[in-house]
Amino acid sequence: MNTNAVLDIGLQAMLLAGKLAAPVLVTALVVGFAISLLQSITQVQEVTLSFVPKAIAVAAALLIGGHWMISESVAFTHEMFERIPTLLGG
């Protein structure tokens, strides 16, 4: 196994991690921004007002995108298992 193969696998793994984390992080960002804007407009500074909607939105994003996330992870794993013989030089 040469360094190019290791770098390629690492790059693919990092891109997959970014693709899988993006829906959850963007959902939390958007909901957090909306709640923060609402809190600044109404001047209600309650911690649970920020946490609970964000947790519900992230759970909904996981329910909606969970199947896609698992299928992407399985496809990546199958690709890595198929590459084992070529990585070992066989």
PDB file of N, CA and C in Angstrom:
ATOM      1  N   MET A   1       0.847  -1.161   0.000  1.00  0.00           N
ATOM      2  CA  MET A   1       0.000   0.000   0.000  1.00  0.00           C
ATOM      3  C   MET A   1       0.902   1.237   0.000  1.00  0.00           C
ATOM      4  N   ASN A   2       0.682   2.114  -0.950  1.00  0.00           N
ATOM      5  CA  ASN A   2       1.505   3.313  -1.033  1.00  0.00           C
ATOM      6  C   ASN A   2       0.797   4.502  -0.382  1.00  0.00           C
ATOM      7  N   THR A   3       1.524   5.607  -0.306  1.00  0.00           N
ATOM      8  CA  THR A   3       0.976   6.778   0.383  1.00  0.00           C
ATOM      9  C   THR A   3      -0.199   7.399  -0.366  1.00  0.00           C
ATOM     10  N   ASN A   4      -0.216   7.280  -1.696  1.00  0.00           N
ATOM     11  CA  ASN A   4      -1.334   7.828  -2.463  1.00  0.00           C
ATOM     12  C   ASN A   4      -2.646   7.123  -2.120  1.00  0.00           C
ATOM     13  N   ALA A   5      -2.585   5.819  -1.935  1.00  0.00           N
ATOM     14  CA  ALA A   5      -3.787   5.064  -1.578  1.00  0.00           C
ATOM     15  C   ALA A   5      -4.279   5.457  -0.186  1.00  0.00           C
ATOM     16  N   VAL A   6      -3.354   5.635   0.735  1.00  0.00           N
ATOM     17  CA  VAL A   6      -3.725   6.025   2.097  1.00  0.00           C
ATOM     18  C   VAL A   6      -4.362   7.414   2.093  1.00  0.00           C
ATOM     19  N   LEU A   7      -3.751   8.331   1.343  1.00  0.00           N
ATOM     20  CA  LEU A   7      -4.307   9.681   1.256  1.00  0.00           C
ATOM     21  C   LEU A   7      -5.681   9.683   0.585  1.00  0.00           C
ATOM     22  N   ASP A   8      -5.842   8.845  -0.427  1.00  0.00           N
ATOM     23  CA  ASP A   8      -7.133   8.759  -1.112  1.00  0.00           C
ATOM     24  C   ASP A   8      -8.216   8.223  -0.180  1.00  0.00           C
ATOM     25  N   ILE A   9      -7.897   7.192   0.575  1.00  0.00           N
ATOM     26  CA  ILE A   9      -8.864   6.632   1.529  1.00  0.00           C
ATOM     27  C   ILE A   9      -9.196   7.654   2.611  1.00  0.00           C
ATOM     28  N   GLY A  10      -8.180   8.340   3.102  1.00  0.00           N
ATOM     29  CA  GLY A  10      -8.416   9.365   4.119  1.00  0.00           C
ATOM     30  C   GLY A  10      -9.279  10.501   3.598  1.00  0.00           C
ATOM     31  N   LEU A  11      -9.029  10.927   2.367  1.00  0.00           N
ATOM     32  CA  LEU A  11      -9.822  11.992   1.766  1.00  0.00           C
ATOM     33  C   LEU A  11     -11.267  11.557   1.580  1.00  0.00           C
ATOM     34  N   GLN A  12     -11.467  10.331   1.091  1.00  0.00           N
ATOM     35  CA  GLN A  12     -12.832   9.827   0.921  1.00  0.00           C
ATOM     36  C   GLN A  12     -13.555   9.715   2.259  1.00  0.00           C
ATOM     37  N   ALA A  13     -12.844   9.290   3.301  1.00  0.00           N
ATOM     38  CA  ALA A  13     -13.463   9.160   4.622  1.00  0.00           C
ATOM     39  C   ALA A  13     -13.837  10.527   5.178  1.00  0.00           C
ATOM     40  N   MET A  14     -12.986  11.517   4.985  1.00  0.00           N
ATOM     41  CA  MET A  14     -13.298  12.853   5.479  1.00  0.00           C
ATOM     42  C   MET A  14     -14.460  13.477   4.705  1.00  0.00           C
ATOM     43  N   LEU A  15     -14.515  13.255   3.395  1.00  0.00           N
ATOM     44  CA  LEU A  15     -15.637  13.760   2.608  1.00  0.00           C
ATOM     45  C   LEU A  15     -16.941  13.087   3.026  1.00  0.00           C
ATOM     46  N   LEU A  16     -16.889  11.791   3.287  1.00  0.00           N
ATOM     47  CA  LEU A  16     -18.080  11.082   3.755  1.00  0.00           C
ATOM     48  C   LEU A  16     -18.527  11.611   5.117  1.00  0.00           C
ATOM     49  N   ALA A  17     -17.579  11.846   6.009  1.00  0.00           N
ATOM     50  CA  ALA A  17     -17.932  12.388   7.331  1.00  0.00           C
ATOM     51  C   ALA A  17     -18.578  13.765   7.191  1.00  0.00           C
ATOM     52  N   GLY A  18     -18.067  14.581   6.299  1.00  0.00           N
ATOM     53  CA  GLY A  18     -18.668  15.886   6.068  1.00  0.00           C
ATOM     54  C   GLY A  18     -20.066  15.792   5.483  1.00  0.00           C
ATOM     55  N   LYS A  19     -20.237  14.872   4.513  1.00  0.00           N
ATOM     56  CA  LYS A  19     -21.564  14.685   3.914  1.00  0.00           C
ATOM     57  C   LYS A  19     -22.574  14.178   4.932  1.00  0.00           C
ATOM     58  N   LEU A  20     -22.151  13.301   5.826  1.00  0.00           N
ATOM     59  CA  LEU A  20     -23.067  12.741   6.808  1.00  0.00           C
ATOM     60  C   LEU A  20     -23.390  13.731   7.933  1.00  0.00           C
ATOM     61  N   ALA A  21     -22.441  14.578   8.273  1.00  0.00           N
ATOM     62  CA  ALA A  21     -22.665  15.528   9.362  1.00  0.00           C
ATOM     63  C   ALA A  21     -23.397  16.780   8.910  1.00  0.00           C
ATOM     64  N   ALA A  22     -23.326  17.105   7.628  1.00  0.00           N
ATOM     65  CA  ALA A  22     -23.877  18.365   7.137  1.00  0.00           C
ATOM     66  C   ALA A  22     -25.373  18.548   7.404  1.00  0.00           C
ATOM     67  N   PRO A  23     -26.234  17.578   7.121  1.00  0.00           N
ATOM     68  CA  PRO A  23     -27.667  17.832   7.369  1.00  0.00           C
ATOM     69  C   PRO A  23     -27.989  18.123   8.830  1.00  0.00           C
ATOM     70  N   VAL A  24     -27.358  17.414   9.728  1.00  0.00           N
ATOM     71  CA  VAL A  24     -27.627  17.608  11.150  1.00  0.00           C
ATOM     72  C   VAL A  24     -27.082  18.962  11.606  1.00  0.00           C
ATOM     73  N   LEU A  25     -25.856  19.286  11.179  1.00  0.00           N
ATOM     74  CA  LEU A  25     -25.255  20.541  11.603  1.00  0.00           C
ATOM     75  C   LEU A  25     -25.968  21.746  11.017  1.00  0.00           C
ATOM     76  N   VAL A  26     -26.359  21.660   9.758  1.00  0.00           N
ATOM     77  CA  VAL A  26     -27.070  22.781   9.136  1.00  0.00           C
ATOM     78  C   VAL A  26     -28.440  22.970   9.785  1.00  0.00           C
ATOM     79  N   THR A  27     -29.108  21.876  10.094  1.00  0.00           N
ATOM     80  CA  THR A  27     -30.397  21.974  10.785  1.00  0.00           C
ATOM     81  C   THR A  27     -30.241  22.640  12.146  1.00  0.00           C
ATOM     82  N   ALA A  28     -29.244  22.223  12.906  1.00  0.00           N
ATOM     83  CA  ALA A  28     -29.008  22.824  14.220  1.00  0.00           C
ATOM     84  C   ALA A  28     -28.641  24.299  14.080  1.00  0.00           C
ATOM     85  N   LEU A  29     -27.877  24.630  13.060  1.00  0.00           N
ATOM     86  CA  LEU A  29     -27.482  26.019  12.837  1.00  0.00           C
ATOM     87  C   LEU A  29     -28.681  26.893  12.506  1.00  0.00           C
ATOM     88  N   VAL A  30     -29.519  26.432  11.600  1.00  0.00           N
ATOM     89  CA  VAL A  30     -30.677  27.224  11.173  1.00  0.00           C
ATOM     90  C   VAL A  30     -31.666  27.399  12.322  1.00  0.00           C
ATOM     91  N   VAL A  31     -31.974  26.316  13.024  1.00  0.00           N
ATOM     92  CA  VAL A  31     -32.920  26.400  14.133  1.00  0.00           C
ATOM     93  C   VAL A  31     -32.338  27.245  15.267  1.00  0.00           C
ATOM     94  N   GLY A  32     -31.068  27.075  15.558  1.00  0.00           N
ATOM     95  CA  GLY A  32     -30.431  27.878  16.598  1.00  0.00           C
ATOM     96  C   GLY A  32     -30.440  29.356  16.257  1.00  0.00           C
ATOM     97  N   PHE A  33     -30.179  29.678  14.986  1.00  0.00           N
ATOM     98  CA  PHE A  33     -30.220  31.077  14.562  1.00  0.00           C
ATOM     99  C   PHE A  33     -31.622  31.651  14.663  1.00  0.00           C
ATOM    100  N   ALA A  34     -32.613  30.869  14.247  1.00  0.00           N
ATOM    101  CA  ALA A  34     -34.001  31.343  14.306  1.00  0.00           C
ATOM    102  C   ALA A  34     -34.443  31.573  15.751  1.00  0.00           C
ATOM    103  N   ILE A  35     -34.099  30.652  16.635  1.00  0.00           N
ATOM    104  CA  ILE A  35     -34.471  30.800  18.042  1.00  0.00           C
ATOM    105  C   ILE A  35     -33.719  31.969  18.664  1.00  0.00           C
ATOM    106  N   SER A  36     -32.451  32.130  18.314  1.00  0.00           N
ATOM    107  CA  SER A  36     -31.677  33.255  18.817  1.00  0.00           C
ATOM    108  C   SER A  36     -32.259  34.582  18.355  1.00  0.00           C
ATOM    109  N   LEU A  37     -32.672  34.635  17.107  1.00  0.00           N
ATOM    110  CA  LEU A  37     -33.306  35.840  16.589  1.00  0.00           C
ATOM    111  C   LEU A  37     -34.616  36.121  17.322  1.00  0.00           C
ATOM    112  N   LEU A  38     -35.390  35.083  17.546  1.00  0.00           N
ATOM    113  CA  LEU A  38     -36.647  35.232  18.280  1.00  0.00           C
ATOM    114  C   LEU A  38     -36.395  35.701  19.708  1.00  0.00           C
ATOM    115  N   GLN A  39     -35.367  35.154  20.354  1.00  0.00           N
ATOM    116  CA  GLN A  39     -35.050  35.558  21.716  1.00  0.00           C
ATOM    117  C   GLN A  39     -34.583  37.008  21.771  1.00  0.00           C
ATOM    118  N   SER A  40     -33.818  37.434  20.785  1.00  0.00           N
ATOM    119  CA  SER A  40     -33.356  38.818  20.804  1.00  0.00           C
ATOM    120  C   SER A  40     -34.489  39.789  20.500  1.00  0.00           C
ATOM    121  N   ILE A  41     -35.448  39.378  19.700  1.00  0.00           N
ATOM    122  CA  ILE A  41     -36.587  40.256  19.405  1.00  0.00           C
ATOM    123  C   ILE A  41     -37.496  40.386  20.624  1.00  0.00           C
ATOM    124  N   THR A  42     -37.780  39.251  21.263  1.00  0.00           N
ATOM    125  CA  THR A  42     -38.701  39.264  22.405  1.00  0.00           C
ATOM    126  C   THR A  42     -38.002  39.507  23.734  1.00  0.00           C
ATOM    127  N   GLN A  43     -36.690  39.486  23.775  1.00  0.00           N
ATOM    128  CA  GLN A  43     -35.871  39.663  24.976  1.00  0.00           C
ATOM    129  C   GLN A  43     -36.191  38.629  26.052  1.00  0.00           C
ATOM    130  N   VAL A  44     -36.540  37.435  25.610  1.00  0.00           N
ATOM    131  CA  VAL A  44     -36.752  36.318  26.530  1.00  0.00           C
ATOM    132  C   VAL A  44     -35.499  35.450  26.464  1.00  0.00           C
ATOM    133  N   GLN A  45     -34.725  35.410  27.546  1.00  0.00           N
ATOM    134  CA  GLN A  45     -33.465  34.678  27.561  1.00  0.00           C
ATOM    135  C   GLN A  45     -33.616  33.406  28.396  1.00  0.00           C
ATOM    136  N   GLU A  46     -34.255  32.422  27.832  1.00  0.00           N
ATOM    137  CA  GLU A  46     -34.470  31.147  28.513  1.00  0.00           C
ATOM    138  C   GLU A  46     -33.637  30.087  27.810  1.00  0.00           C
ATOM    139  N   VAL A  47     -32.862  29.325  28.578  1.00  0.00           N
ATOM    140  CA  VAL A  47     -31.957  28.341  28.002  1.00  0.00           C
ATOM    141  C   VAL A  47     -32.722  27.208  27.328  1.00  0.00           C
ATOM    142  N   THR A  48     -33.779  26.752  27.967  1.00  0.00           N
ATOM    143  CA  THR A  48     -34.529  25.631  27.399  1.00  0.00           C
ATOM    144  C   THR A  48     -35.251  26.024  26.122  1.00  0.00           C
ATOM    145  N   LEU A  49     -35.539  27.307  25.957  1.00  0.00           N
ATOM    146  CA  LEU A  49     -36.174  27.768  24.732  1.00  0.00           C
ATOM    147  C   LEU A  49     -35.254  27.567  23.538  1.00  0.00           C
ATOM    148  N   SER A  50     -33.956  27.571  23.780  1.00  0.00           N
ATOM    149  CA  SER A  50     -32.998  27.344  22.704  1.00  0.00           C
ATOM    150  C   SER A  50     -32.707  25.862  22.496  1.00  0.00           C
ATOM    151  N   PHE A  51     -32.651  25.116  23.581  1.00  0.00           N
ATOM    152  CA  PHE A  51     -32.215  23.724  23.495  1.00  0.00           C
ATOM    153  C   PHE A  51     -33.281  22.783  22.937  1.00  0.00           C
ATOM    154  N   VAL A  52     -34.482  22.889  23.438  1.00  0.00           N
ATOM    155  CA  VAL A  52     -35.535  21.928  23.093  1.00  0.00           C
ATOM    156  C   VAL A  52     -35.892  21.953  21.607  1.00  0.00           C
ATOM    157  N   PRO A  53     -36.138  23.111  20.994  1.00  0.00           N
ATOM    158  CA  PRO A  53     -36.443  23.088  19.554  1.00  0.00           C
ATOM    159  C   PRO A  53     -35.277  22.586  18.703  1.00  0.00           C
ATOM    160  N   LYS A  54     -34.060  22.916  19.132  1.00  0.00           N
ATOM    161  CA  LYS A  54     -32.893  22.448  18.392  1.00  0.00           C
ATOM    162  C   LYS A  54     -32.768  20.931  18.478  1.00  0.00           C
ATOM    163  N   ALA A  55     -33.015  20.368  19.648  1.00  0.00           N
ATOM    164  CA  ALA A  55     -32.955  18.913  19.816  1.00  0.00           C
ATOM    165  C   ALA A  55     -34.037  18.225  18.999  1.00  0.00           C
ATOM    166  N   ILE A  56     -35.231  18.803  18.971  1.00  0.00           N
ATOM    167  CA  ILE A  56     -36.319  18.221  18.179  1.00  0.00           C
ATOM    168  C   ILE A  56     -36.005  18.292  16.690  1.00  0.00           C
ATOM    169  N   ALA A  57     -35.458  19.420  16.240  1.00  0.00           N
ATOM    170  CA  ALA A  57     -35.127  19.580  14.822  1.00  0.00           C
ATOM    171  C   ALA A  57     -34.009  18.625  14.399  1.00  0.00           C
ATOM    172  N   VAL A  58     -33.018  18.446  15.250  1.00  0.00           N
ATOM    173  CA  VAL A  58     -31.925  17.512  14.932  1.00  0.00           C
ATOM    174  C   VAL A  58     -32.452  16.079  14.893  1.00  0.00           C
ATOM    175  N   ALA A  59     -33.344  15.737  15.813  1.00  0.00           N
ATOM    176  CA  ALA A  59     -33.940  14.395  15.797  1.00  0.00           C
ATOM    177  C   ALA A  59     -34.752  14.189  14.523  1.00  0.00           C
ATOM    178  N   ALA A  60     -35.486  15.217  14.100  1.00  0.00           N
ATOM    179  CA  ALA A  60     -36.249  15.101  12.851  1.00  0.00           C
ATOM    180  C   ALA A  60     -35.318  14.962  11.652  1.00  0.00           C
ATOM    181  N   ALA A  61     -34.207  15.700  11.654  1.00  0.00           N
ATOM    182  CA  ALA A  61     -33.245  15.581  10.550  1.00  0.00           C
ATOM    183  C   ALA A  61     -32.639  14.179  10.507  1.00  0.00           C
ATOM    184  N   LEU A  62     -32.390  13.608  11.669  1.00  0.00           N
ATOM    185  CA  LEU A  62     -31.860  12.239  11.701  1.00  0.00           C
ATOM    186  C   LEU A  62     -32.893  11.228  11.229  1.00  0.00           C
ATOM    187  N   LEU A  63     -34.154  11.449  11.587  1.00  0.00           N
ATOM    188  CA  LEU A  63     -35.207  10.535  11.129  1.00  0.00           C
ATOM    189  C   LEU A  63     -35.398  10.630   9.620  1.00  0.00           C
ATOM    190  N   ILE A  64     -35.348  11.839   9.088  1.00  0.00           N
ATOM    191  CA  ILE A  64     -35.554  12.025   7.655  1.00  0.00           C
ATOM    192  C   ILE A  64     -34.353  11.548   6.854  1.00  0.00           C
ATOM    193  N   GLY A  65     -33.149  11.893   7.299  1.00  0.00           N
ATOM    194  CA  GLY A  65     -31.958  11.566   6.524  1.00  0.00           C
ATOM    195  C   GLY A  65     -31.208  10.338   6.987  1.00  0.00           C
ATOM    196  N   GLY A  66     -31.735   9.638   7.979  1.00  0.00           N
ATOM    197  CA  GLY A  66     -31.025   8.486   8.535  1.00  0.00           C
ATOM    198  C   GLY A  66     -30.798   7.366   7.539  1.00  0.00           C
ATOM    199  N   HIS A  67     -31.817   7.080   6.733  1.00  0.00           N
ATOM    200  CA  HIS A  67     -31.677   6.004   5.752  1.00  0.00           C
ATOM    201  C   HIS A  67     -30.593   6.338   4.732  1.00  0.00           C
ATOM    202  N   TRP A  68     -30.561   7.576   4.280  1.00  0.00           N
ATOM    203  CA  TRP A  68     -29.532   7.999   3.328  1.00  0.00           C
ATOM    204  C   TRP A  68     -28.150   7.911   3.963  1.00  0.00           C
ATOM    205  N   MET A  69     -28.027   8.309   5.227  1.00  0.00           N
ATOM    206  CA  MET A  69     -26.738   8.261   5.913  1.00  0.00           C
ATOM    207  C   MET A  69     -26.225   6.833   6.042  1.00  0.00           C
ATOM    208  N   ILE A  70     -27.117   5.930   6.389  1.00  0.00           N
ATOM    209  CA  ILE A  70     -26.709   4.530   6.527  1.00  0.00           C
ATOM    210  C   ILE A  70     -26.328   3.938   5.176  1.00  0.00           C
ATOM    211  N   SER A  71     -27.096   4.246   4.132  1.00  0.00           N
ATOM    212  CA  SER A  71     -26.770   3.698   2.814  1.00  0.00           C
ATOM    213  C   SER A  71     -25.441   4.250   2.299  1.00  0.00           C
ATOM    214  N   GLU A  72     -25.137   5.525   2.582  1.00  0.00           N
ATOM    215  CA  GLU A  72     -23.837   6.085   2.187  1.00  0.00           C
ATOM    216  C   GLU A  72     -22.696   5.398   2.942  1.00  0.00           C
ATOM    217  N   SER A  73     -22.895   5.152   4.232  1.00  0.00           N
ATOM    218  CA  SER A  73     -21.865   4.478   5.035  1.00  0.00           C
ATOM    219  C   SER A  73     -21.640   3.048   4.558  1.00  0.00           C
ATOM    220  N   VAL A  74     -22.723   2.356   4.238  1.00  0.00           N
ATOM    221  CA  VAL A  74     -22.605   0.979   3.753  1.00  0.00           C
ATOM    222  C   VAL A  74     -21.917   0.947   2.393  1.00  0.00           C
ATOM    223  N   ALA A  75     -22.253   1.886   1.515  1.00  0.00           N
ATOM    224  CA  ALA A  75     -21.605   1.936   0.195  1.00  0.00           C
ATOM    225  C   ALA A  75     -20.109   2.203   0.335  1.00  0.00           C
ATOM    226  N   PHE A  76     -19.736   3.101   1.237  1.00  0.00           N
ATOM    227  CA  PHE A  76     -18.320   3.381   1.462  1.00  0.00           C
ATOM    228  C   PHE A  76     -17.602   2.155   2.014  1.00  0.00           C
ATOM    229  N   THR A  77     -18.252   1.453   2.948  1.00  0.00           N
ATOM    230  CA  THR A  77     -17.641   0.259   3.522  1.00  0.00           C
ATOM    231  C   THR A  77     -17.462  -0.826   2.472  1.00  0.00           C
ATOM    232  N   HIS A  78     -18.478  -1.012   1.618  1.00  0.00           N
ATOM    233  CA  HIS A  78     -18.348  -2.009   0.542  1.00  0.00           C
ATOM    234  C   HIS A  78     -17.220  -1.627  -0.410  1.00  0.00           C
ATOM    235  N   GLU A  79     -17.105  -0.351  -0.717  1.00  0.00           N
ATOM    236  CA  GLU A  79     -16.023   0.092  -1.605  1.00  0.00           C
ATOM    237  C   GLU A  79     -14.657  -0.181  -0.979  1.00  0.00           C
ATOM    238  N   MET A  80     -14.535   0.034   0.325  1.00  0.00           N
ATOM    239  CA  MET A  80     -13.260  -0.210   0.999  1.00  0.00           C
ATOM    240  C   MET A  80     -12.934  -1.705   1.023  1.00  0.00           C
ATOM    241  N   PHE A  81     -13.959  -2.548   1.250  1.00  0.00           N
ATOM    242  CA  PHE A  81     -13.712  -3.987   1.230  1.00  0.00           C
ATOM    243  C   PHE A  81     -13.334  -4.471  -0.162  1.00  0.00           C
ATOM    244  N   GLU A  82     -13.909  -3.868  -1.204  1.00  0.00           N
ATOM    245  CA  GLU A  82     -13.554  -4.255  -2.568  1.00  0.00           C
ATOM    246  C   GLU A  82     -12.142  -3.813  -2.927  1.00  0.00           C
ATOM    247  N   ARG A  83     -11.643  -2.773  -2.287  1.00  0.00           N
ATOM    248  CA  ARG A  83     -10.299  -2.268  -2.580  1.00  0.00           C
ATOM    249  C   ARG A  83      -9.207  -3.009  -1.831  1.00  0.00           C
ATOM    250  N   ILE A  84      -9.557  -3.876  -0.896  1.00  0.00           N
ATOM    251  CA  ILE A  84      -8.534  -4.556  -0.094  1.00  0.00           C
ATOM    252  C   ILE A  84      -7.558  -5.345  -0.954  1.00  0.00           C
ATOM    253  N   PRO A  85      -7.996  -6.149  -1.920  1.00  0.00           N
ATOM    254  CA  PRO A  85      -7.014  -6.907  -2.722  1.00  0.00           C
ATOM    255  C   PRO A  85      -6.047  -6.004  -3.498  1.00  0.00           C
ATOM    256  N   THR A  86      -6.532  -4.909  -4.033  1.00  0.00           N
ATOM    257  CA  THR A  86      -5.636  -4.023  -4.775  1.00  0.00           C
ATOM    258  C   THR A  86      -4.694  -3.286  -3.834  1.00  0.00           C
ATOM    259  N   LEU A  87      -5.136  -3.009  -2.623  1.00  0.00           N
ATOM    260  CA  LEU A  87      -4.266  -2.320  -1.667  1.00  0.00           C
ATOM    261  C   LEU A  87      -3.160  -3.234  -1.150  1.00  0.00           C
ATOM    262  N   LEU A  88      -3.453  -4.523  -1.090  1.00  0.00           N
ATOM    263  CA  LEU A  88      -2.443  -5.471  -0.629  1.00  0.00           C
ATOM    264  C   LEU A  88      -1.505  -5.903  -1.755  1.00  0.00           C
ATOM    265  N   GLY A  89      -1.785  -5.459  -2.951  1.00  0.00           N
ATOM    266  CA  GLY A  89      -0.896  -5.763  -4.067  1.00  0.00           C
ATOM    267  C   GLY A  89      -1.214  -7.069  -4.764  1.00  0.00           C
ATOM    268  N   GLY A  90      -2.426  -7.555  -4.591  1.00  0.00           N
ATOM    269  CA  GLY A  90      -2.764  -8.847  -5.162  1.00  0.00           C
ATOM    270  C   GLY A  90      -3.565  -8.796  -6.365  1.00  0.00           C
TER     271      GLY A  90
END
